[in-house]
Amino acid sequence: IDIYDPWVNHKNLDVSETSYFVKLPKNRKYDAIFIAVGHSRFRQEGIKKINLYRKSKSVLYDFKNIFPGYT
């Protein structure tokens, strides 16, 4: 499990949390992506870039409905 949030200050994380947070997601790594916050950064990156992080057989859930059709 990786957690990516561009607004998280990694210096302020508890030691037990640091292993989950990544500074950038990796291409073609993830079986599932959950967008749980509506950061403008995700809108700016766009769905095409976010889809690059997914494996070919994967799911994407957009709980904030930033990208219609992925809820």
PDB file of N, CA and C in Angstrom:
ATOM      1  N   ILE A   1       0.854  -1.177   0.000  1.00  0.00           N
ATOM      2  CA  ILE A   1       0.000   0.000   0.000  1.00  0.00           C
ATOM      3  C   ILE A   1       0.888   1.225   0.000  1.00  0.00           C
ATOM      4  N   ASP A   2       0.617   2.138  -0.916  1.00  0.00           N
ATOM      5  CA  ASP A   2       1.276   3.438  -0.946  1.00  0.00           C
ATOM      6  C   ASP A   2       0.207   4.515  -0.773  1.00  0.00           C
ATOM      7  N   ILE A   3       0.560   5.566  -0.072  1.00  0.00           N
ATOM      8  CA  ILE A   3      -0.315   6.723   0.068  1.00  0.00           C
ATOM      9  C   ILE A   3       0.413   7.899  -0.547  1.00  0.00           C
ATOM     10  N   TYR A   4      -0.283   8.581  -1.463  1.00  0.00           N
ATOM     11  CA  TYR A   4       0.294   9.760  -2.108  1.00  0.00           C
ATOM     12  C   TYR A   4      -0.617  10.943  -1.852  1.00  0.00           C
ATOM     13  N   ASP A   5      -0.069  11.951  -1.216  1.00  0.00           N
ATOM     14  CA  ASP A   5      -0.787  13.206  -0.995  1.00  0.00           C
ATOM     15  C   ASP A   5       0.235  14.319  -1.144  1.00  0.00           C
ATOM     16  N   PRO A   6       0.140  15.104  -2.212  1.00  0.00           N
ATOM     17  CA  PRO A   6       1.157  16.126  -2.464  1.00  0.00           C
ATOM     18  C   PRO A   6       1.199  17.216  -1.401  1.00  0.00           C
ATOM     19  N   TRP A   7       0.202  17.312  -0.553  1.00  0.00           N
ATOM     20  CA  TRP A   7       0.170  18.350   0.475  1.00  0.00           C
ATOM     21  C   TRP A   7       0.738  17.883   1.809  1.00  0.00           C
ATOM     22  N   VAL A   8       1.069  16.611   1.931  1.00  0.00           N
ATOM     23  CA  VAL A   8       1.601  16.092   3.186  1.00  0.00           C
ATOM     24  C   VAL A   8       3.070  16.472   3.305  1.00  0.00           C
ATOM     25  N   ASN A   9       3.417  17.027   4.451  1.00  0.00           N
ATOM     26  CA  ASN A   9       4.810  17.323   4.743  1.00  0.00           C
ATOM     27  C   ASN A   9       5.414  16.069   5.360  1.00  0.00           C
ATOM     28  N   HIS A  10       6.263  15.404   4.625  1.00  0.00           N
ATOM     29  CA  HIS A  10       6.836  14.128   5.053  1.00  0.00           C
ATOM     30  C   HIS A  10       7.679  14.259   6.321  1.00  0.00           C
ATOM     31  N   LYS A  11       8.181  15.445   6.589  1.00  0.00           N
ATOM     32  CA  LYS A  11       8.977  15.668   7.798  1.00  0.00           C
ATOM     33  C   LYS A  11       8.106  15.606   9.057  1.00  0.00           C
ATOM     34  N   ASN A  12       6.804  15.857   8.907  1.00  0.00           N
ATOM     35  CA  ASN A  12       5.912  15.877  10.057  1.00  0.00           C
ATOM     36  C   ASN A  12       5.236  14.537  10.327  1.00  0.00           C
ATOM     37  N   LEU A  13       5.544  13.521   9.545  1.00  0.00           N
ATOM     38  CA  LEU A  13       4.906  12.220   9.717  1.00  0.00           C
ATOM     39  C   LEU A  13       5.483  11.471  10.908  1.00  0.00           C
ATOM     40  N   ASP A  14       4.635  10.713  11.545  1.00  0.00           N
ATOM     41  CA  ASP A  14       5.057   9.803  12.604  1.00  0.00           C
ATOM     42  C   ASP A  14       5.871   8.679  11.958  1.00  0.00           C
ATOM     43  N   VAL A  15       6.812   8.138  12.673  1.00  0.00           N
ATOM     44  CA  VAL A  15       7.677   7.081  12.130  1.00  0.00           C
ATOM     45  C   VAL A  15       6.859   5.917  11.590  1.00  0.00           C
ATOM     46  N   SER A  16       5.769   5.561  12.238  1.00  0.00           N
ATOM     47  CA  SER A  16       4.950   4.431  11.782  1.00  0.00           C
ATOM     48  C   SER A  16       4.228   4.728  10.474  1.00  0.00           C
ATOM     49  N   GLU A  17       4.084   5.994  10.116  1.00  0.00           N
ATOM     50  CA  GLU A  17       3.385   6.377   8.884  1.00  0.00           C
ATOM     51  C   GLU A  17       4.315   6.509   7.685  1.00  0.00           C
ATOM     52  N   THR A  18       5.572   6.729   7.927  1.00  0.00           N
ATOM     53  CA  THR A  18       6.485   7.053   6.827  1.00  0.00           C
ATOM     54  C   THR A  18       6.632   5.934   5.812  1.00  0.00           C
ATOM     55  N   SER A  19       6.433   4.706   6.197  1.00  0.00           N
ATOM     56  CA  SER A  19       6.599   3.613   5.244  1.00  0.00           C
ATOM     57  C   SER A  19       5.472   3.550   4.223  1.00  0.00           C
ATOM     58  N   TYR A  20       4.337   4.178   4.496  1.00  0.00           N
ATOM     59  CA  TYR A  20       3.203   4.144   3.574  1.00  0.00           C
ATOM     60  C   TYR A  20       3.179   5.326   2.608  1.00  0.00           C
ATOM     61  N   PHE A  21       3.660   6.475   3.033  1.00  0.00           N
ATOM     62  CA  PHE A  21       3.599   7.670   2.203  1.00  0.00           C
ATOM     63  C   PHE A  21       4.747   7.687   1.196  1.00  0.00           C
ATOM     64  N   VAL A  22       4.395   8.013  -0.049  1.00  0.00           N
ATOM     65  CA  VAL A  22       5.404   8.137  -1.102  1.00  0.00           C
ATOM     66  C   VAL A  22       5.400   9.569  -1.617  1.00  0.00           C
ATOM     67  N   LYS A  23       6.548  10.023  -2.056  1.00  0.00           N
ATOM     68  CA  LYS A  23       6.634  11.383  -2.592  1.00  0.00           C
ATOM     69  C   LYS A  23       6.024  11.467  -3.977  1.00  0.00           C
ATOM     70  N   LEU A  24       6.127  10.377  -4.740  1.00  0.00           N
ATOM     71  CA  LEU A  24       5.496  10.285  -6.057  1.00  0.00           C
ATOM     72  C   LEU A  24       5.070   8.839  -6.291  1.00  0.00           C
ATOM     73  N   PRO A  25       3.899   8.635  -6.909  1.00  0.00           N
ATOM     74  CA  PRO A  25       3.504   7.259  -7.238  1.00  0.00           C
ATOM     75  C   PRO A  25       4.360   6.726  -8.392  1.00  0.00           C
ATOM     76  N   LYS A  26       4.435   5.403  -8.491  1.00  0.00           N
ATOM     77  CA  LYS A  26       5.236   4.766  -9.537  1.00  0.00           C
ATOM     78  C   LYS A  26       4.346   4.336 -10.700  1.00  0.00           C
ATOM     79  N   ASN A  27       4.876   4.460 -11.896  1.00  0.00           N
ATOM     80  CA  ASN A  27       4.130   4.056 -13.090  1.00  0.00           C
ATOM     81  C   ASN A  27       3.894   2.552 -13.117  1.00  0.00           C
ATOM     82  N   ARG A  28       2.691   2.192 -13.528  1.00  0.00           N
ATOM     83  CA  ARG A  28       2.278   0.793 -13.756  1.00  0.00           C
ATOM     84  C   ARG A  28       2.461  -0.109 -12.530  1.00  0.00           C
ATOM     85  N   LYS A  29       2.294   0.427 -11.339  1.00  0.00           N
ATOM     86  CA  LYS A  29       2.522  -0.351 -10.127  1.00  0.00           C
ATOM     87  C   LYS A  29       1.231  -0.818  -9.446  1.00  0.00           C
ATOM     88  N   TYR A  30       0.137  -0.094  -9.579  1.00  0.00           N
ATOM     89  CA  TYR A  30      -0.990  -0.247  -8.675  1.00  0.00           C
ATOM     90  C   TYR A  30      -2.155  -1.044  -9.264  1.00  0.00           C
ATOM     91  N   ASP A  31      -2.667  -1.959  -8.446  1.00  0.00           N
ATOM     92  CA  ASP A  31      -3.856  -2.743  -8.796  1.00  0.00           C
ATOM     93  C   ASP A  31      -5.120  -1.926  -8.580  1.00  0.00           C
ATOM     94  N   ALA A  32      -5.062  -0.970  -7.659  1.00  0.00           N
ATOM     95  CA  ALA A  32      -6.213  -0.128  -7.363  1.00  0.00           C
ATOM     96  C   ALA A  32      -5.721   1.260  -6.953  1.00  0.00           C
ATOM     97  N   ILE A  33      -6.437   2.261  -7.407  1.00  0.00           N
ATOM     98  CA  ILE A  33      -6.160   3.643  -7.018  1.00  0.00           C
ATOM     99  C   ILE A  33      -7.455   4.219  -6.469  1.00  0.00           C
ATOM    100  N   PHE A  34      -7.355   4.836  -5.297  1.00  0.00           N
ATOM    101  CA  PHE A  34      -8.500   5.470  -4.657  1.00  0.00           C
ATOM    102  C   PHE A  34      -8.198   6.952  -4.512  1.00  0.00           C
ATOM    103  N   ILE A  35      -8.971   7.786  -5.177  1.00  0.00           N
ATOM    104  CA  ILE A  35      -8.822   9.230  -5.018  1.00  0.00           C
ATOM    105  C   ILE A  35      -9.826   9.633  -3.943  1.00  0.00           C
ATOM    106  N   ALA A  36      -9.295   9.974  -2.776  1.00  0.00           N
ATOM    107  CA  ALA A  36     -10.152  10.249  -1.622  1.00  0.00           C
ATOM    108  C   ALA A  36     -10.193  11.726  -1.247  1.00  0.00           C
ATOM    109  N   VAL A  37      -9.380  12.540  -1.908  1.00  0.00           N
ATOM    110  CA  VAL A  37      -9.365  13.977  -1.648  1.00  0.00           C
ATOM    111  C   VAL A  37      -9.423  14.718  -2.981  1.00  0.00           C
ATOM    112  N   GLY A  38     -10.002  15.881  -2.972  1.00  0.00           N
ATOM    113  CA  GLY A  38     -10.192  16.630  -4.208  1.00  0.00           C
ATOM    114  C   GLY A  38      -9.142  17.691  -4.453  1.00  0.00           C
ATOM    115  N   HIS A  39      -7.885  17.372  -4.218  1.00  0.00           N
ATOM    116  CA  HIS A  39      -6.813  18.348  -4.407  1.00  0.00           C
ATOM    117  C   HIS A  39      -6.757  18.831  -5.859  1.00  0.00           C
ATOM    118  N   SER A  40      -6.484  20.105  -6.018  1.00  0.00           N
ATOM    119  CA  SER A  40      -6.337  20.672  -7.356  1.00  0.00           C
ATOM    120  C   SER A  40      -5.184  20.011  -8.110  1.00  0.00           C
ATOM    121  N   ARG A  41      -4.207  19.510  -7.389  1.00  0.00           N
ATOM    122  CA  ARG A  41      -3.057  18.849  -8.025  1.00  0.00           C
ATOM    123  C   ARG A  41      -3.511  17.659  -8.863  1.00  0.00           C
ATOM    124  N   PHE A  42      -4.474  16.887  -8.357  1.00  0.00           N
ATOM    125  CA  PHE A  42      -4.974  15.743  -9.108  1.00  0.00           C
ATOM    126  C   PHE A  42      -5.710  16.198 -10.357  1.00  0.00           C
ATOM    127  N   ARG A  43      -6.465  17.271 -10.251  1.00  0.00           N
ATOM    128  CA  ARG A  43      -7.152  17.816 -11.432  1.00  0.00           C
ATOM    129  C   ARG A  43      -6.135  18.273 -12.469  1.00  0.00           C
ATOM    130  N   GLN A  44      -5.084  18.936 -12.009  1.00  0.00           N
ATOM    131  CA  GLN A  44      -4.051  19.441 -12.918  1.00  0.00           C
ATOM    132  C   GLN A  44      -3.323  18.295 -13.616  1.00  0.00           C
ATOM    133  N   GLU A  45      -3.033  17.230 -12.888  1.00  0.00           N
ATOM    134  CA  GLU A  45      -2.355  16.088 -13.502  1.00  0.00           C
ATOM    135  C   GLU A  45      -3.227  15.450 -14.563  1.00  0.00           C
ATOM    136  N   GLY A  46      -4.516  15.383 -14.306  1.00  0.00           N
ATOM    137  CA  GLY A  46      -5.452  14.822 -15.274  1.00  0.00           C
ATOM    138  C   GLY A  46      -5.526  13.312 -15.207  1.00  0.00           C
ATOM    139  N   ILE A  47      -6.599  12.787 -15.737  1.00  0.00           N
ATOM    140  CA  ILE A  47      -6.861  11.351 -15.655  1.00  0.00           C
ATOM    141  C   ILE A  47      -5.853  10.544 -16.477  1.00  0.00           C
ATOM    142  N   LYS A  48      -5.356  11.092 -17.568  1.00  0.00           N
ATOM    143  CA  LYS A  48      -4.384  10.352 -18.381  1.00  0.00           C
ATOM    144  C   LYS A  48      -3.105  10.075 -17.594  1.00  0.00           C
ATOM    145  N   LYS A  49      -2.629  11.059 -16.871  1.00  0.00           N
ATOM    146  CA  LYS A  49      -1.405  10.854 -16.073  1.00  0.00           C
ATOM    147  C   LYS A  49      -1.687   9.905 -14.912  1.00  0.00           C
ATOM    148  N   ILE A  50      -2.810  10.063 -14.250  1.00  0.00           N
ATOM    149  CA  ILE A  50      -3.147   9.179 -13.133  1.00  0.00           C
ATOM    150  C   ILE A  50      -3.277   7.742 -13.618  1.00  0.00           C
ATOM    151  N   ASN A  51      -3.825   7.554 -14.798  1.00  0.00           N
ATOM    152  CA  ASN A  51      -3.946   6.201 -15.347  1.00  0.00           C
ATOM    153  C   ASN A  51      -2.588   5.547 -15.616  1.00  0.00           C
ATOM    154  N   LEU A  52      -1.539   6.325 -15.761  1.00  0.00           N
ATOM    155  CA  LEU A  52      -0.197   5.768 -15.961  1.00  0.00           C
ATOM    156  C   LEU A  52       0.295   5.008 -14.733  1.00  0.00           C
ATOM    157  N   TYR A  53      -0.262   5.305 -13.575  1.00  0.00           N
ATOM    158  CA  TYR A  53       0.147   4.632 -12.342  1.00  0.00           C
ATOM    159  C   TYR A  53      -0.486   3.253 -12.196  1.00  0.00           C
ATOM    160  N   ARG A  54      -1.499   2.969 -12.990  1.00  0.00           N
ATOM    161  CA  ARG A  54      -2.259   1.724 -12.864  1.00  0.00           C
ATOM    162  C   ARG A  54      -1.651   0.596 -13.681  1.00  0.00           C
ATOM    163  N   LYS A  55      -1.800  -0.628 -13.164  1.00  0.00           N
ATOM    164  CA  LYS A  55      -1.503  -1.805 -13.973  1.00  0.00           C
ATOM    165  C   LYS A  55      -2.596  -1.943 -15.023  1.00  0.00           C
ATOM    166  N   SER A  56      -2.373  -2.764 -16.029  1.00  0.00           N
ATOM    167  CA  SER A  56      -3.347  -2.881 -17.117  1.00  0.00           C
ATOM    168  C   SER A  56      -4.698  -3.405 -16.635  1.00  0.00           C
ATOM    169  N   LYS A  57      -4.699  -4.315 -15.685  1.00  0.00           N
ATOM    170  CA  LYS A  57      -5.955  -4.813 -15.111  1.00  0.00           C
ATOM    171  C   LYS A  57      -6.053  -4.279 -13.689  1.00  0.00           C
ATOM    172  N   SER A  58      -6.699  -3.124 -13.560  1.00  0.00           N
ATOM    173  CA  SER A  58      -6.787  -2.461 -12.262  1.00  0.00           C
ATOM    174  C   SER A  58      -8.082  -1.674 -12.187  1.00  0.00           C
ATOM    175  N   VAL A  59      -8.320  -1.092 -11.030  1.00  0.00           N
ATOM    176  CA  VAL A  59      -9.511  -0.268 -10.843  1.00  0.00           C
ATOM    177  C   VAL A  59      -9.103   1.101 -10.326  1.00  0.00           C
ATOM    178  N   LEU A  60      -9.930   2.077 -10.627  1.00  0.00           N
ATOM    179  CA  LEU A  60      -9.732   3.425 -10.117  1.00  0.00           C
ATOM    180  C   LEU A  60     -11.065   3.899  -9.567  1.00  0.00           C
ATOM    181  N   TYR A  61     -11.066   4.312  -8.308  1.00  0.00           N
ATOM    182  CA  TYR A  61     -12.255   4.863  -7.670  1.00  0.00           C
ATOM    183  C   TYR A  61     -11.989   6.319  -7.335  1.00  0.00           C
ATOM    184  N   ASP A  62     -12.851   7.176  -7.804  1.00  0.00           N
ATOM    185  CA  ASP A  62     -12.729   8.614  -7.565  1.00  0.00           C
ATOM    186  C   ASP A  62     -13.864   9.029  -6.642  1.00  0.00           C
ATOM    187  N   PHE A  63     -13.620   9.014  -5.348  1.00  0.00           N
ATOM    188  CA  PHE A  63     -14.653   9.307  -4.367  1.00  0.00           C
ATOM    189  C   PHE A  63     -15.068  10.777  -4.363  1.00  0.00           C
ATOM    190  N   LYS A  64     -14.256  11.661  -4.890  1.00  0.00           N
ATOM    191  CA  LYS A  64     -14.569  13.089  -4.935  1.00  0.00           C
ATOM    192  C   LYS A  64     -15.137  13.524  -6.283  1.00  0.00           C
ATOM    193  N   ASN A  65     -15.309  12.578  -7.195  1.00  0.00           N
ATOM    194  CA  ASN A  65     -15.887  12.839  -8.509  1.00  0.00           C
ATOM    195  C   ASN A  65     -15.149  13.940  -9.271  1.00  0.00           C
ATOM    196  N   ILE A  66     -13.848  13.913  -9.182  1.00  0.00           N
ATOM    197  CA  ILE A  66     -13.023  14.849  -9.939  1.00  0.00           C
ATOM    198  C   ILE A  66     -13.074  14.476 -11.423  1.00  0.00           C
ATOM    199  N   PHE A  67     -13.078  13.172 -11.669  1.00  0.00           N
ATOM    200  CA  PHE A  67     -13.103  12.652 -13.031  1.00  0.00           C
ATOM    201  C   PHE A  67     -14.368  11.809 -13.209  1.00  0.00           C
ATOM    202  N   PRO A  68     -15.431  12.377 -13.741  1.00  0.00           N
ATOM    203  CA  PRO A  68     -16.685  11.627 -13.897  1.00  0.00           C
ATOM    204  C   PRO A  68     -16.470  10.313 -14.655  1.00  0.00           C
ATOM    205  N   GLY A  69     -17.161   9.287 -14.196  1.00  0.00           N
ATOM    206  CA  GLY A  69     -17.043   7.977 -14.812  1.00  0.00           C
ATOM    207  C   GLY A  69     -16.123   7.038 -14.059  1.00  0.00           C
ATOM    208  N   TYR A  70     -15.445   7.537 -13.021  1.00  0.00           N
ATOM    209  CA  TYR A  70     -14.525   6.718 -12.239  1.00  0.00           C
ATOM    210  C   TYR A  70     -14.976   6.591 -10.793  1.00  0.00           C
ATOM    211  N   THR A  71     -16.285   6.695 -10.553  1.00  0.00           N
ATOM    212  CA  THR A  71     -16.774   6.601  -9.180  1.00  0.00           C
ATOM    213  C   THR A  71     -17.275   5.219  -8.867  1.00  0.00           C
TER     214      THR A  71
END
